């Protein structure tokens, strides 16, 4: 279950990082116990896989993840766990240290711990207050602090909405922002 805790903590950090850049995820959340509530759990020890299904609710502090199914897979390498939440949509919620809520959803939310890579696919959206990014694929590299949002084709578009204050401060150095 320790690996599940790490995966959930990482997923929480993802949503916070995607929208907030330098704003930190609520650190106290990561010290809390992780609770997984589901109708069914299947542990496949030889495959290093745990599957939670049917109305899965995961909580850790202010973090709340809801999905139809969550699969946690651990490969032979330490720290190489992959956690994927599936839903219609799978959702994520957290209150950040600055008190602002972050919401994310998509058909699936995948986190690769070793690579520090998070991928939201299928109707993806990240939102903090009135700022949001939507796209069919949203990928975030935590180490490089790089986000890529894509749509399926030329008729669909990636959309981003900024608050007026964010636009006003967009090109200013961090120490000169309001």
N, C-alpha and C. Protein backbone atom coordinates (compact mmCIF):
# COMPACT_ATOMS: atom_id res chain seq x y z
N UNK A 1 0.81 -1.21 0.00
CA UNK A 1 0.00 0.00 0.00
C UNK A 1 0.85 1.27 0.00
N UNK A 2 2.13 1.16 0.43
CA UNK A 2 3.01 2.31 0.41
C UNK A 2 3.14 2.85 -1.01
N UNK A 3 3.22 1.95 -2.00
CA UNK A 3 3.32 2.37 -3.39
C UNK A 3 2.07 3.10 -3.85
N UNK A 4 0.92 2.67 -3.37
CA UNK A 4 -0.33 3.36 -3.69
C UNK A 4 -0.28 4.76 -3.11
N UNK A 5 0.22 4.91 -1.87
CA UNK A 5 0.33 6.23 -1.24
C UNK A 5 1.20 7.15 -2.08
N UNK A 6 2.34 6.65 -2.54
CA UNK A 6 3.24 7.46 -3.35
C UNK A 6 2.58 7.87 -4.66
N UNK A 7 1.87 6.94 -5.27
CA UNK A 7 1.22 7.25 -6.53
C UNK A 7 0.15 8.31 -6.35
N UNK A 8 -0.61 8.20 -5.29
CA UNK A 8 -1.67 9.18 -5.05
C UNK A 8 -1.09 10.55 -4.72
N UNK A 9 -0.04 10.57 -3.93
CA UNK A 9 0.60 11.84 -3.61
C UNK A 9 1.14 12.50 -4.87
N UNK A 10 1.70 11.70 -5.74
CA UNK A 10 2.25 12.23 -6.99
C UNK A 10 1.14 12.78 -7.88
N UNK A 11 0.01 12.08 -7.95
CA UNK A 11 -1.10 12.55 -8.76
C UNK A 11 -1.61 13.89 -8.22
N UNK A 12 -1.64 14.02 -6.91
CA UNK A 12 -2.07 15.27 -6.31
C UNK A 12 -1.13 16.40 -6.68
N UNK A 13 0.14 16.13 -6.61
CA UNK A 13 1.12 17.15 -6.96
C UNK A 13 0.99 17.57 -8.42
N UNK A 14 0.65 16.62 -9.27
CA UNK A 14 0.48 16.90 -10.69
C UNK A 14 -0.52 18.00 -10.95
N UNK A 15 -1.70 17.83 -10.45
CA UNK A 15 -2.75 18.80 -10.74
C UNK A 15 -2.35 20.18 -10.25
N UNK A 16 -1.73 20.23 -9.10
CA UNK A 16 -1.29 21.51 -8.55
C UNK A 16 -0.23 22.13 -9.45
N UNK A 17 0.73 21.36 -9.89
CA UNK A 17 1.81 21.88 -10.72
C UNK A 17 1.33 22.33 -12.08
N UNK A 18 0.39 21.63 -12.64
CA UNK A 18 -0.07 21.95 -13.98
C UNK A 18 -0.63 23.37 -14.08
N UNK A 19 -1.35 23.77 -13.11
CA UNK A 19 -2.01 25.06 -13.19
C UNK A 19 -1.26 26.18 -12.50
N UNK A 20 -0.45 25.85 -11.55
CA UNK A 20 0.07 26.87 -10.67
C UNK A 20 1.54 27.16 -10.83
N UNK A 21 2.26 26.42 -11.62
CA UNK A 21 3.68 26.68 -11.77
C UNK A 21 4.38 26.62 -10.44
N UNK A 22 4.69 27.79 -9.87
CA UNK A 22 5.46 27.83 -8.63
C UNK A 22 4.60 27.61 -7.38
N UNK A 23 3.30 27.59 -7.51
CA UNK A 23 2.44 27.37 -6.36
C UNK A 23 2.53 25.91 -5.95
N UNK A 24 2.65 25.66 -4.66
CA UNK A 24 2.87 24.31 -4.17
C UNK A 24 1.58 23.61 -3.82
N UNK A 25 1.59 22.29 -4.01
CA UNK A 25 0.50 21.45 -3.54
C UNK A 25 0.48 21.53 -2.02
N UNK A 26 -0.64 21.23 -1.44
CA UNK A 26 -0.77 21.31 0.01
C UNK A 26 0.12 20.23 0.64
N UNK A 27 1.23 20.66 1.22
CA UNK A 27 2.23 19.73 1.76
C UNK A 27 1.64 18.84 2.85
N UNK A 28 0.74 19.37 3.66
CA UNK A 28 0.19 18.56 4.75
C UNK A 28 -0.61 17.37 4.23
N UNK A 29 -1.13 17.46 3.00
CA UNK A 29 -1.88 16.33 2.42
C UNK A 29 -1.02 15.08 2.33
N UNK A 30 0.26 15.26 1.98
CA UNK A 30 1.12 14.12 1.74
C UNK A 30 1.52 13.39 3.02
N UNK A 31 1.30 14.01 4.17
CA UNK A 31 1.58 13.35 5.45
C UNK A 31 0.36 12.57 5.95
N UNK A 32 -0.78 12.76 5.31
CA UNK A 32 -2.02 12.09 5.71
C UNK A 32 -2.09 10.67 5.17
N UNK A 33 -2.91 9.86 5.83
CA UNK A 33 -3.16 8.51 5.35
C UNK A 33 -3.98 8.58 4.06
N UNK A 34 -3.79 7.59 3.21
CA UNK A 34 -4.57 7.47 1.97
C UNK A 34 -5.69 6.47 2.22
N UNK A 35 -6.90 6.89 1.92
CA UNK A 35 -8.07 6.01 2.07
C UNK A 35 -8.62 5.71 0.69
N UNK A 36 -8.80 4.43 0.41
CA UNK A 36 -9.40 4.00 -0.86
C UNK A 36 -10.69 3.29 -0.53
N UNK A 37 -11.78 3.79 -1.10
CA UNK A 37 -13.11 3.23 -0.88
C UNK A 37 -13.64 2.81 -2.25
N UNK A 38 -13.91 1.52 -2.39
CA UNK A 38 -14.41 1.00 -3.67
C UNK A 38 -15.32 -0.18 -3.39
N UNK A 39 -16.15 -0.50 -4.35
CA UNK A 39 -17.02 -1.67 -4.22
C UNK A 39 -16.19 -2.94 -4.31
N UNK A 40 -15.11 -2.92 -5.14
CA UNK A 40 -14.34 -4.13 -5.37
C UNK A 40 -12.85 -3.81 -5.45
N UNK A 41 -12.03 -4.72 -4.92
CA UNK A 41 -10.58 -4.62 -5.02
C UNK A 41 -10.02 -5.98 -5.41
N UNK A 42 -9.15 -5.98 -6.41
CA UNK A 42 -8.49 -7.22 -6.83
C UNK A 42 -6.99 -6.98 -6.79
N UNK A 43 -6.28 -7.80 -5.98
CA UNK A 43 -4.82 -7.72 -5.90
C UNK A 43 -4.24 -8.92 -6.63
N UNK A 44 -3.52 -8.64 -7.69
CA UNK A 44 -2.86 -9.69 -8.48
C UNK A 44 -1.37 -9.63 -8.15
N UNK A 45 -0.98 -10.40 -7.13
CA UNK A 45 0.36 -10.32 -6.58
C UNK A 45 1.45 -10.64 -7.60
N UNK A 46 1.25 -11.66 -8.42
CA UNK A 46 2.28 -12.03 -9.39
C UNK A 46 2.47 -10.98 -10.47
N UNK A 47 1.43 -10.22 -10.76
CA UNK A 47 1.51 -9.16 -11.77
C UNK A 47 1.83 -7.80 -11.14
N UNK A 48 1.99 -7.77 -9.80
CA UNK A 48 2.23 -6.52 -9.09
C UNK A 48 1.17 -5.47 -9.45
N UNK A 49 -0.09 -5.88 -9.43
CA UNK A 49 -1.20 -5.01 -9.83
C UNK A 49 -2.30 -5.04 -8.78
N UNK A 50 -2.82 -3.85 -8.47
CA UNK A 50 -4.00 -3.73 -7.62
C UNK A 50 -5.03 -2.95 -8.42
N UNK A 51 -6.23 -3.49 -8.53
CA UNK A 51 -7.31 -2.81 -9.26
C UNK A 51 -8.46 -2.55 -8.30
N UNK A 52 -8.84 -1.29 -8.22
CA UNK A 52 -10.00 -0.89 -7.43
C UNK A 52 -11.08 -0.54 -8.44
N UNK A 53 -12.32 -1.01 -8.21
CA UNK A 53 -13.36 -0.72 -9.21
C UNK A 53 -14.71 -0.44 -8.56
N UNK A 54 -15.57 0.10 -9.38
CA UNK A 54 -16.95 0.44 -9.02
C UNK A 54 -17.00 1.55 -7.97
N UNK A 55 -17.17 2.76 -8.45
CA UNK A 55 -17.33 3.94 -7.61
C UNK A 55 -16.15 4.10 -6.64
N UNK A 56 -14.94 4.26 -7.22
CA UNK A 56 -13.73 4.39 -6.42
C UNK A 56 -13.60 5.83 -5.94
N UNK A 57 -13.35 5.98 -4.65
CA UNK A 57 -13.12 7.29 -4.04
C UNK A 57 -11.83 7.18 -3.24
N UNK A 58 -10.85 8.01 -3.59
CA UNK A 58 -9.58 8.03 -2.90
C UNK A 58 -9.44 9.39 -2.24
N UNK A 59 -9.11 9.39 -0.95
CA UNK A 59 -8.92 10.65 -0.23
C UNK A 59 -7.59 10.62 0.52
N UNK A 60 -6.95 11.78 0.58
CA UNK A 60 -5.74 11.99 1.37
C UNK A 60 -5.71 13.47 1.70
N UNK A 61 -6.04 13.81 2.94
CA UNK A 61 -6.15 15.22 3.30
C UNK A 61 -7.24 15.89 2.47
N UNK A 62 -6.88 16.98 1.77
CA UNK A 62 -7.87 17.67 0.93
C UNK A 62 -7.99 17.06 -0.46
N UNK A 63 -7.14 16.10 -0.77
CA UNK A 63 -7.16 15.46 -2.09
C UNK A 63 -8.34 14.50 -2.18
N UNK A 64 -9.05 14.57 -3.29
CA UNK A 64 -10.14 13.64 -3.53
C UNK A 64 -10.12 13.24 -5.00
N UNK A 65 -10.01 11.93 -5.24
CA UNK A 65 -10.02 11.39 -6.59
C UNK A 65 -11.23 10.47 -6.70
N UNK A 66 -12.01 10.65 -7.76
CA UNK A 66 -13.15 9.78 -8.01
C UNK A 66 -12.97 9.16 -9.39
N UNK A 67 -13.22 7.85 -9.49
CA UNK A 67 -13.06 7.15 -10.76
C UNK A 67 -13.93 5.91 -10.76
N UNK A 68 -14.18 5.40 -11.94
CA UNK A 68 -14.87 4.13 -12.07
C UNK A 68 -13.92 2.99 -11.72
N UNK A 69 -12.62 3.18 -12.06
CA UNK A 69 -11.62 2.16 -11.82
C UNK A 69 -10.25 2.82 -11.66
N UNK A 70 -9.44 2.29 -10.73
CA UNK A 70 -8.06 2.74 -10.56
C UNK A 70 -7.17 1.51 -10.56
N UNK A 71 -6.14 1.54 -11.42
CA UNK A 71 -5.20 0.43 -11.51
C UNK A 71 -3.82 0.95 -11.11
N UNK A 72 -3.20 0.26 -10.15
CA UNK A 72 -1.84 0.58 -9.71
C UNK A 72 -0.96 -0.60 -10.09
N UNK A 73 0.08 -0.33 -10.90
CA UNK A 73 0.99 -1.38 -11.35
C UNK A 73 2.40 -1.01 -10.91
N UNK A 74 3.09 -2.01 -10.37
CA UNK A 74 4.48 -1.81 -9.94
C UNK A 74 5.36 -2.75 -10.74
N UNK A 75 6.34 -2.18 -11.44
CA UNK A 75 7.28 -3.04 -12.18
C UNK A 75 8.40 -3.44 -11.23
N UNK A 76 9.38 -4.16 -11.72
CA UNK A 76 10.47 -4.63 -10.89
C UNK A 76 11.32 -3.53 -10.31
N UNK A 77 11.41 -2.38 -10.96
CA UNK A 77 12.24 -1.28 -10.48
C UNK A 77 11.55 -0.53 -9.36
N UNK A 78 12.30 -0.24 -8.31
CA UNK A 78 11.75 0.55 -7.20
C UNK A 78 11.40 1.95 -7.71
N UNK A 79 10.22 2.41 -7.38
CA UNK A 79 9.79 3.74 -7.79
C UNK A 79 9.23 3.81 -9.20
N UNK A 80 9.04 2.66 -9.85
CA UNK A 80 8.55 2.66 -11.23
C UNK A 80 7.06 2.37 -11.30
N UNK A 81 6.32 2.70 -10.26
CA UNK A 81 4.88 2.46 -10.24
C UNK A 81 4.17 3.36 -11.25
N UNK A 82 3.08 2.82 -11.79
CA UNK A 82 2.21 3.58 -12.68
C UNK A 82 0.79 3.45 -12.14
N UNK A 83 0.13 4.58 -11.95
CA UNK A 83 -1.24 4.59 -11.46
C UNK A 83 -2.12 5.22 -12.53
N UNK A 84 -3.22 4.55 -12.86
CA UNK A 84 -4.13 5.09 -13.85
C UNK A 84 -5.55 5.05 -13.30
N UNK A 85 -6.20 6.22 -13.31
CA UNK A 85 -7.60 6.34 -12.90
C UNK A 85 -8.44 6.46 -14.16
N UNK A 86 -9.51 5.67 -14.25
CA UNK A 86 -10.40 5.68 -15.41
C UNK A 86 -11.79 6.10 -14.96
N UNK A 87 -12.47 6.86 -15.81
CA UNK A 87 -13.83 7.24 -15.46
C UNK A 87 -14.53 7.93 -16.59
N UNK A 88 -15.73 8.34 -16.30
CA UNK A 88 -16.52 9.05 -17.28
C UNK A 88 -17.10 10.31 -16.65
N UNK A 89 -16.24 11.23 -16.19
CA UNK A 89 -14.78 11.23 -16.22
C UNK A 89 -14.17 10.78 -14.88
N UNK A 90 -12.85 10.59 -14.87
CA UNK A 90 -12.10 10.45 -13.63
C UNK A 90 -11.83 11.87 -13.16
N UNK A 91 -11.98 12.13 -11.87
CA UNK A 91 -11.84 13.50 -11.38
C UNK A 91 -10.80 13.60 -10.27
N UNK A 92 -10.23 14.79 -10.13
CA UNK A 92 -9.25 15.08 -9.11
C UNK A 92 -9.59 16.43 -8.50
N UNK A 93 -9.44 16.54 -7.17
CA UNK A 93 -9.68 17.81 -6.48
C UNK A 93 -8.66 17.95 -5.36
N UNK A 94 -8.14 19.16 -5.16
CA UNK A 94 -7.25 19.44 -4.03
C UNK A 94 -7.29 20.92 -3.71
N UNK A 95 -7.15 21.22 -2.42
CA UNK A 95 -6.97 22.60 -1.97
C UNK A 95 -5.46 22.81 -1.82
N UNK A 96 -4.91 23.85 -2.49
CA UNK A 96 -3.48 24.12 -2.44
C UNK A 96 -3.12 24.87 -1.15
N UNK A 97 -1.81 24.99 -0.90
CA UNK A 97 -1.34 25.72 0.28
C UNK A 97 -1.84 27.17 0.29
N UNK A 98 -2.05 27.75 -0.89
CA UNK A 98 -2.54 29.12 -0.96
C UNK A 98 -4.06 29.21 -0.77
N UNK A 99 -4.71 28.07 -0.50
CA UNK A 99 -6.14 28.03 -0.25
C UNK A 99 -7.01 27.91 -1.49
N UNK A 100 -6.39 27.91 -2.67
CA UNK A 100 -7.15 27.84 -3.91
C UNK A 100 -7.39 26.39 -4.30
N UNK A 101 -8.61 26.08 -4.77
CA UNK A 101 -8.89 24.70 -5.20
C UNK A 101 -8.41 24.45 -6.63
N UNK A 102 -8.01 23.22 -6.87
CA UNK A 102 -7.63 22.77 -8.21
C UNK A 102 -8.53 21.59 -8.56
N UNK A 103 -9.09 21.61 -9.77
CA UNK A 103 -9.91 20.51 -10.27
C UNK A 103 -9.32 20.03 -11.59
N UNK A 104 -9.35 18.73 -11.80
CA UNK A 104 -8.93 18.16 -13.08
C UNK A 104 -9.85 16.99 -13.39
N UNK A 105 -10.06 16.76 -14.67
CA UNK A 105 -10.80 15.57 -15.06
C UNK A 105 -10.42 15.14 -16.48
N UNK A 106 -10.72 13.89 -16.76
CA UNK A 106 -10.48 13.32 -18.08
C UNK A 106 -10.98 11.89 -18.08
N UNK A 107 -10.99 11.28 -19.24
CA UNK A 107 -11.40 9.88 -19.31
C UNK A 107 -10.41 8.99 -18.57
N UNK A 108 -9.12 9.39 -18.58
CA UNK A 108 -8.12 8.70 -17.77
C UNK A 108 -7.06 9.69 -17.30
N UNK A 109 -6.52 9.41 -16.13
CA UNK A 109 -5.43 10.20 -15.56
C UNK A 109 -4.35 9.19 -15.18
N UNK A 110 -3.20 9.29 -15.86
CA UNK A 110 -2.10 8.33 -15.66
C UNK A 110 -0.89 9.05 -15.09
N UNK A 111 -0.26 8.42 -14.08
CA UNK A 111 0.94 9.00 -13.50
C UNK A 111 2.04 7.96 -13.46
N UNK A 112 3.20 8.29 -14.06
CA UNK A 112 4.37 7.43 -14.06
C UNK A 112 5.35 8.00 -13.05
N UNK A 113 5.50 7.34 -11.90
CA UNK A 113 6.33 7.88 -10.83
C UNK A 113 7.79 8.05 -11.24
N UNK A 114 8.40 7.02 -11.80
CA UNK A 114 9.82 7.07 -12.12
C UNK A 114 10.13 8.18 -13.12
N UNK A 115 9.28 8.33 -14.13
CA UNK A 115 9.48 9.35 -15.16
C UNK A 115 8.92 10.70 -14.77
N UNK A 116 8.16 10.74 -13.65
CA UNK A 116 7.52 11.99 -13.20
C UNK A 116 6.70 12.60 -14.34
N UNK A 117 5.90 11.75 -14.99
CA UNK A 117 5.10 12.17 -16.12
C UNK A 117 3.63 11.88 -15.85
N UNK A 118 2.79 12.89 -16.05
CA UNK A 118 1.35 12.75 -15.85
C UNK A 118 0.67 13.00 -17.18
N UNK A 119 -0.30 12.13 -17.50
CA UNK A 119 -1.02 12.27 -18.76
C UNK A 119 -2.52 12.16 -18.50
N UNK A 120 -3.25 13.19 -18.93
CA UNK A 120 -4.71 13.20 -18.85
C UNK A 120 -5.20 13.04 -20.29
N UNK A 121 -6.01 12.02 -20.53
CA UNK A 121 -6.49 11.79 -21.90
C UNK A 121 -8.01 11.74 -21.95
N UNK A 122 -8.52 12.14 -23.10
CA UNK A 122 -9.96 12.10 -23.34
C UNK A 122 -10.70 13.17 -22.58
N UNK A 123 -11.03 14.25 -23.24
CA UNK A 123 -11.81 15.34 -22.65
C UNK A 123 -11.13 15.90 -21.40
N UNK A 124 -9.82 16.11 -21.46
CA UNK A 124 -9.06 16.58 -20.32
C UNK A 124 -9.32 18.05 -20.00
N UNK A 125 -9.32 18.34 -18.72
CA UNK A 125 -9.46 19.73 -18.26
C UNK A 125 -8.74 19.89 -16.93
N UNK A 126 -7.99 21.00 -16.81
CA UNK A 126 -7.38 21.42 -15.55
C UNK A 126 -7.92 22.80 -15.25
N UNK A 127 -8.35 23.01 -14.01
CA UNK A 127 -8.98 24.28 -13.69
C UNK A 127 -8.58 24.72 -12.29
N UNK A 128 -8.23 26.02 -12.17
CA UNK A 128 -8.03 26.65 -10.87
C UNK A 128 -8.75 27.98 -10.95
N UNK A 129 -9.73 28.13 -10.08
CA UNK A 129 -10.62 29.29 -10.12
C UNK A 129 -11.17 29.43 -11.53
N UNK A 130 -11.00 30.58 -12.18
CA UNK A 130 -11.56 30.77 -13.51
C UNK A 130 -10.55 30.48 -14.63
N UNK A 131 -9.34 30.08 -14.28
CA UNK A 131 -8.33 29.74 -15.29
C UNK A 131 -8.41 28.24 -15.59
N UNK A 132 -8.33 27.90 -16.87
CA UNK A 132 -8.43 26.49 -17.22
C UNK A 132 -7.74 26.18 -18.54
N UNK A 133 -7.35 24.91 -18.68
CA UNK A 133 -6.79 24.38 -19.92
C UNK A 133 -7.61 23.15 -20.27
N UNK A 134 -8.05 23.05 -21.53
CA UNK A 134 -8.79 21.88 -21.98
C UNK A 134 -8.12 21.32 -23.23
N UNK A 135 -8.20 20.02 -23.39
CA UNK A 135 -7.66 19.36 -24.57
C UNK A 135 -7.89 17.87 -24.46
N UNK A 136 -7.72 17.17 -25.57
CA UNK A 136 -7.93 15.73 -25.55
C UNK A 136 -6.76 15.01 -24.87
N UNK A 137 -5.57 15.64 -24.89
CA UNK A 137 -4.40 15.07 -24.26
C UNK A 137 -3.65 16.20 -23.54
N UNK A 138 -3.46 16.05 -22.26
CA UNK A 138 -2.68 17.01 -21.48
C UNK A 138 -1.57 16.22 -20.80
N UNK A 139 -0.33 16.56 -21.13
CA UNK A 139 0.82 15.83 -20.60
C UNK A 139 1.69 16.82 -19.83
N UNK A 140 2.12 16.39 -18.62
CA UNK A 140 2.95 17.27 -17.81
C UNK A 140 4.17 16.52 -17.30
N UNK A 141 5.35 17.06 -17.60
CA UNK A 141 6.62 16.54 -17.10
C UNK A 141 6.97 17.36 -15.86
N UNK A 142 6.89 16.74 -14.70
CA UNK A 142 7.08 17.45 -13.43
C UNK A 142 8.51 17.96 -13.30
N UNK A 143 9.50 17.15 -13.70
CA UNK A 143 10.89 17.55 -13.57
C UNK A 143 11.20 18.76 -14.43
N UNK A 144 10.78 18.73 -15.69
CA UNK A 144 11.05 19.83 -16.62
C UNK A 144 10.06 20.98 -16.46
N UNK A 145 9.00 20.77 -15.68
CA UNK A 145 7.91 21.72 -15.52
C UNK A 145 7.40 22.17 -16.90
N UNK A 146 7.11 21.16 -17.73
CA UNK A 146 6.67 21.41 -19.10
C UNK A 146 5.32 20.74 -19.31
N UNK A 147 4.36 21.51 -19.82
CA UNK A 147 3.04 20.98 -20.11
C UNK A 147 2.78 21.06 -21.60
N UNK A 148 2.21 19.99 -22.14
CA UNK A 148 1.79 19.96 -23.54
C UNK A 148 0.32 19.58 -23.56
N UNK A 149 -0.49 20.39 -24.22
CA UNK A 149 -1.91 20.09 -24.39
C UNK A 149 -2.16 19.95 -25.89
N UNK A 150 -2.88 18.90 -26.27
CA UNK A 150 -3.15 18.64 -27.68
C UNK A 150 -4.62 18.31 -27.89
N UNK A 151 -5.07 18.52 -29.13
CA UNK A 151 -6.41 18.10 -29.51
C UNK A 151 -6.28 16.96 -30.51
N UNK A 152 -7.41 16.32 -30.82
CA UNK A 152 -7.38 15.15 -31.71
C UNK A 152 -7.08 15.51 -33.16
N UNK A 153 -7.54 16.63 -33.61
CA UNK A 153 -7.35 16.96 -35.02
C UNK A 153 -7.54 18.43 -35.28
N UNK A 154 -7.50 18.82 -36.55
CA UNK A 154 -7.56 20.24 -36.91
C UNK A 154 -8.89 20.91 -36.59
N UNK A 155 -9.96 20.14 -36.46
CA UNK A 155 -11.25 20.77 -36.16
C UNK A 155 -11.45 20.98 -34.66
N UNK A 156 -10.68 20.28 -33.85
CA UNK A 156 -10.74 20.49 -32.40
C UNK A 156 -9.57 21.37 -31.99
N UNK A 157 -9.71 22.06 -30.90
CA UNK A 157 -8.68 23.00 -30.48
C UNK A 157 -8.37 22.81 -29.00
N UNK A 158 -7.15 23.15 -28.61
CA UNK A 158 -6.78 23.26 -27.20
C UNK A 158 -7.20 24.64 -26.77
N UNK A 159 -7.82 24.74 -25.61
CA UNK A 159 -8.31 26.04 -25.15
C UNK A 159 -7.75 26.35 -23.77
N UNK A 160 -7.34 27.61 -23.60
CA UNK A 160 -6.82 28.08 -22.32
C UNK A 160 -7.53 29.38 -21.98
N UNK A 161 -7.92 29.50 -20.73
CA UNK A 161 -8.57 30.72 -20.25
C UNK A 161 -7.74 31.21 -19.06
N UNK A 162 -7.30 32.50 -19.10
CA UNK A 162 -6.55 33.10 -18.01
C UNK A 162 -7.40 34.15 -17.31
N UNK A 163 -7.16 34.32 -16.02
CA UNK A 163 -7.76 35.43 -15.30
C UNK A 163 -7.08 36.72 -15.75
N UNK A 164 -7.78 37.87 -15.74
CA UNK A 164 -7.16 39.13 -16.17
C UNK A 164 -5.84 39.42 -15.45
N UNK A 165 -5.74 39.15 -14.16
CA UNK A 165 -4.52 39.41 -13.41
C UNK A 165 -3.36 38.58 -13.95
N UNK A 166 -3.63 37.34 -14.37
CA UNK A 166 -2.57 36.49 -14.90
C UNK A 166 -2.07 37.03 -16.24
N UNK A 167 -2.96 37.54 -17.08
CA UNK A 167 -2.56 38.09 -18.36
C UNK A 167 -1.73 39.35 -18.15
N UNK A 168 -2.15 40.19 -17.21
CA UNK A 168 -1.45 41.43 -16.90
C UNK A 168 -0.01 41.16 -16.45
N UNK A 169 0.20 40.08 -15.72
CA UNK A 169 1.52 39.77 -15.16
C UNK A 169 2.29 38.73 -15.95
N UNK A 170 1.79 38.32 -17.09
CA UNK A 170 2.35 37.19 -17.84
C UNK A 170 3.82 37.39 -18.20
N UNK A 171 4.18 38.60 -18.64
CA UNK A 171 5.55 38.83 -19.12
C UNK A 171 6.47 39.48 -18.08
N UNK A 172 6.01 39.61 -16.83
CA UNK A 172 6.82 40.23 -15.78
C UNK A 172 7.63 39.17 -15.05
N UNK A 173 8.84 39.52 -14.61
CA UNK A 173 9.62 38.60 -13.76
C UNK A 173 8.84 38.29 -12.50
N UNK A 174 9.09 37.12 -11.93
CA UNK A 174 8.33 36.66 -10.75
C UNK A 174 8.37 37.65 -9.60
N UNK A 175 9.50 38.35 -9.39
CA UNK A 175 9.59 39.27 -8.26
C UNK A 175 8.84 40.59 -8.50
N UNK A 176 8.34 40.81 -9.73
CA UNK A 176 7.59 42.03 -10.02
C UNK A 176 6.10 41.79 -10.18
N UNK A 177 5.67 40.54 -10.04
CA UNK A 177 4.25 40.23 -10.19
C UNK A 177 3.49 40.66 -8.95
N UNK A 178 2.22 41.00 -9.15
CA UNK A 178 1.36 41.41 -8.03
C UNK A 178 1.17 40.29 -7.06
